[in-house]
Amino acid sequence: MSSGLAGTGSAYYRIAGLSPSRLLAGDIAYERDMAERILALLTRLALRGVEVYIGDPGRAYLPTTGLEGQEDHW
């Protein structure tokens, strides 16, 4: 039986009606396809004013540009 939540995380975000002010994402950059999809979602959320934090240091598919470093806060 389908949950109706197939597809990207953005589908769940819309269906659940969530409106977080902060979001922590970890372990998202292990695989290229997953990293691209998740980063696209996180970018859209950030553009809507959500504070997005990524805890995935040194991963192969974590972008080296477009992120503001907060390493000293960990």
C-alpha atoms as a PDB file:
ATOM      1  CA  MET A   1       0.000   0.000   0.000  1.00  0.00           C
ATOM      2  CA  SER A   2       1.366   3.378  -0.971  1.00  0.00           C
ATOM      3  CA  SER A   3       1.769   6.103   1.618  1.00  0.00           C
ATOM      4  CA  GLY A   4       1.374   8.802  -1.009  1.00  0.00           C
ATOM      5  CA  LEU A   5       4.803  10.112  -0.036  1.00  0.00           C
ATOM      6  CA  ALA A   6       6.799   8.708  -2.930  1.00  0.00           C
ATOM      7  CA  GLY A   7       9.283  11.013  -4.568  1.00  0.00           C
ATOM      8  CA  THR A   8      11.550  13.605  -3.044  1.00  0.00           C
ATOM      9  CA  GLY A   9      11.561  14.909   0.485  1.00  0.00           C
ATOM     10  CA  SER A  10       9.838  18.047  -0.765  1.00  0.00           C
ATOM     11  CA  ALA A  11       6.660  16.019  -1.362  1.00  0.00           C
ATOM     12  CA  TYR A  12       6.604  15.014   2.295  1.00  0.00           C
ATOM     13  CA  TYR A  13       7.289  18.601   3.326  1.00  0.00           C
ATOM     14  CA  ARG A  14       4.226  19.824   1.425  1.00  0.00           C
ATOM     15  CA  ILE A  15       1.926  16.998   2.472  1.00  0.00           C
ATOM     16  CA  ALA A  16       2.797  17.194   6.147  1.00  0.00           C
ATOM     17  CA  GLY A  17       2.325  20.963   6.167  1.00  0.00           C
ATOM     18  CA  LEU A  18       5.506  21.473   8.135  1.00  0.00           C
ATOM     19  CA  SER A  19       7.036  24.909   8.463  1.00  0.00           C
ATOM     20  CA  PRO A  20      10.263  24.559  10.453  1.00  0.00           C
ATOM     21  CA  SER A  21      12.415  27.569  11.260  1.00  0.00           C
ATOM     22  CA  ARG A  22      15.575  25.403  11.507  1.00  0.00           C
ATOM     23  CA  LEU A  23      16.575  22.157   9.884  1.00  0.00           C
ATOM     24  CA  LEU A  24      19.554  19.915  10.580  1.00  0.00           C
ATOM     25  CA  ALA A  25      20.549  17.498   7.830  1.00  0.00           C
ATOM     26  CA  GLY A  26      23.260  14.892   8.313  1.00  0.00           C
ATOM     27  CA  ASP A  27      24.807  12.133   6.246  1.00  0.00           C
ATOM     28  CA  ILE A  28      23.375  13.492   3.007  1.00  0.00           C
ATOM     29  CA  ALA A  29      26.424  13.543   0.724  1.00  0.00           C
ATOM     30  CA  TYR A  30      27.422   9.880   0.403  1.00  0.00           C
ATOM     31  CA  GLU A  31      25.969   9.407  -3.068  1.00  0.00           C
ATOM     32  CA  ARG A  32      25.859  11.951  -5.867  1.00  0.00           C
ATOM     33  CA  ASP A  33      22.176  11.543  -6.818  1.00  0.00           C
ATOM     34  CA  MET A  34      20.951  11.729  -3.237  1.00  0.00           C
ATOM     35  CA  ALA A  35      23.202  14.688  -2.434  1.00  0.00           C
ATOM     36  CA  GLU A  36      21.957  16.621  -5.466  1.00  0.00           C
ATOM     37  CA  ARG A  37      18.285  16.043  -4.602  1.00  0.00           C
ATOM     38  CA  ILE A  38      18.653  16.794  -0.907  1.00  0.00           C
ATOM     39  CA  LEU A  39      20.786  19.883  -1.499  1.00  0.00           C
ATOM     40  CA  ALA A  40      18.200  21.203  -3.960  1.00  0.00           C
ATOM     41  CA  LEU A  41      15.510  20.778  -1.309  1.00  0.00           C
ATOM     42  CA  LEU A  42      17.664  22.380   1.393  1.00  0.00           C
ATOM     43  CA  THR A  43      18.429  25.306  -0.908  1.00  0.00           C
ATOM     44  CA  ARG A  44      14.719  25.895  -1.526  1.00  0.00           C
ATOM     45  CA  LEU A  45      14.062  25.808   2.204  1.00  0.00           C
ATOM     46  CA  ALA A  46      16.908  28.252   2.892  1.00  0.00           C
ATOM     47  CA  LEU A  47      15.507  30.631   0.276  1.00  0.00           C
ATOM     48  CA  ARG A  48      12.211  30.533   2.194  1.00  0.00           C
ATOM     49  CA  GLY A  49      13.995  31.628   5.365  1.00  0.00           C
ATOM     50  CA  VAL A  50      14.641  28.274   7.034  1.00  0.00           C
ATOM     51  CA  GLU A  51      18.021  28.072   8.797  1.00  0.00           C
ATOM     52  CA  VAL A  52      19.628  24.970   7.289  1.00  0.00           C
ATOM     53  CA  TYR A  53      22.550  23.246   8.985  1.00  0.00           C
ATOM     54  CA  ILE A  54      24.417  20.377   7.355  1.00  0.00           C
ATOM     55  CA  GLY A  55      26.410  17.967   9.482  1.00  0.00           C
ATOM     56  CA  ASP A  56      28.346  16.036   6.866  1.00  0.00           C
ATOM     57  CA  PRO A  57      31.981  17.209   6.938  1.00  0.00           C
ATOM     58  CA  GLY A  58      34.413  16.005   4.322  1.00  0.00           C
ATOM     59  CA  ARG A  59      31.978  13.931   2.261  1.00  0.00           C
ATOM     60  CA  ALA A  60      32.749  13.416  -1.408  1.00  0.00           C
ATOM     61  CA  TYR A  61      29.545  15.006  -2.728  1.00  0.00           C
ATOM     62  CA  LEU A  62      29.248  17.933  -0.306  1.00  0.00           C
ATOM     63  CA  PRO A  63      29.709  21.127  -2.336  1.00  0.00           C
ATOM     64  CA  THR A  64      32.790  23.212  -1.649  1.00  0.00           C
ATOM     65  CA  THR A  65      31.022  26.444  -2.648  1.00  0.00           C
ATOM     66  CA  GLY A  66      27.754  28.009  -1.625  1.00  0.00           C
ATOM     67  CA  LEU A  67      27.980  26.924   2.012  1.00  0.00           C
ATOM     68  CA  GLU A  68      28.787  29.143   4.960  1.00  0.00           C
ATOM     69  CA  GLY A  69      31.269  27.421   7.261  1.00  0.00           C
ATOM     70  CA  GLN A  70      30.378  26.914  10.903  1.00  0.00           C
ATOM     71  CA  GLU A  71      33.061  24.403  11.841  1.00  0.00           C
ATOM     72  CA  ASP A  72      34.036  26.378  14.927  1.00  0.00           C
ATOM     73  CA  HIS A  73      30.535  25.908  16.371  1.00  0.00           C
ATOM     74  CA  TRP A  74      30.646  22.094  16.445  1.00  0.00           C
END
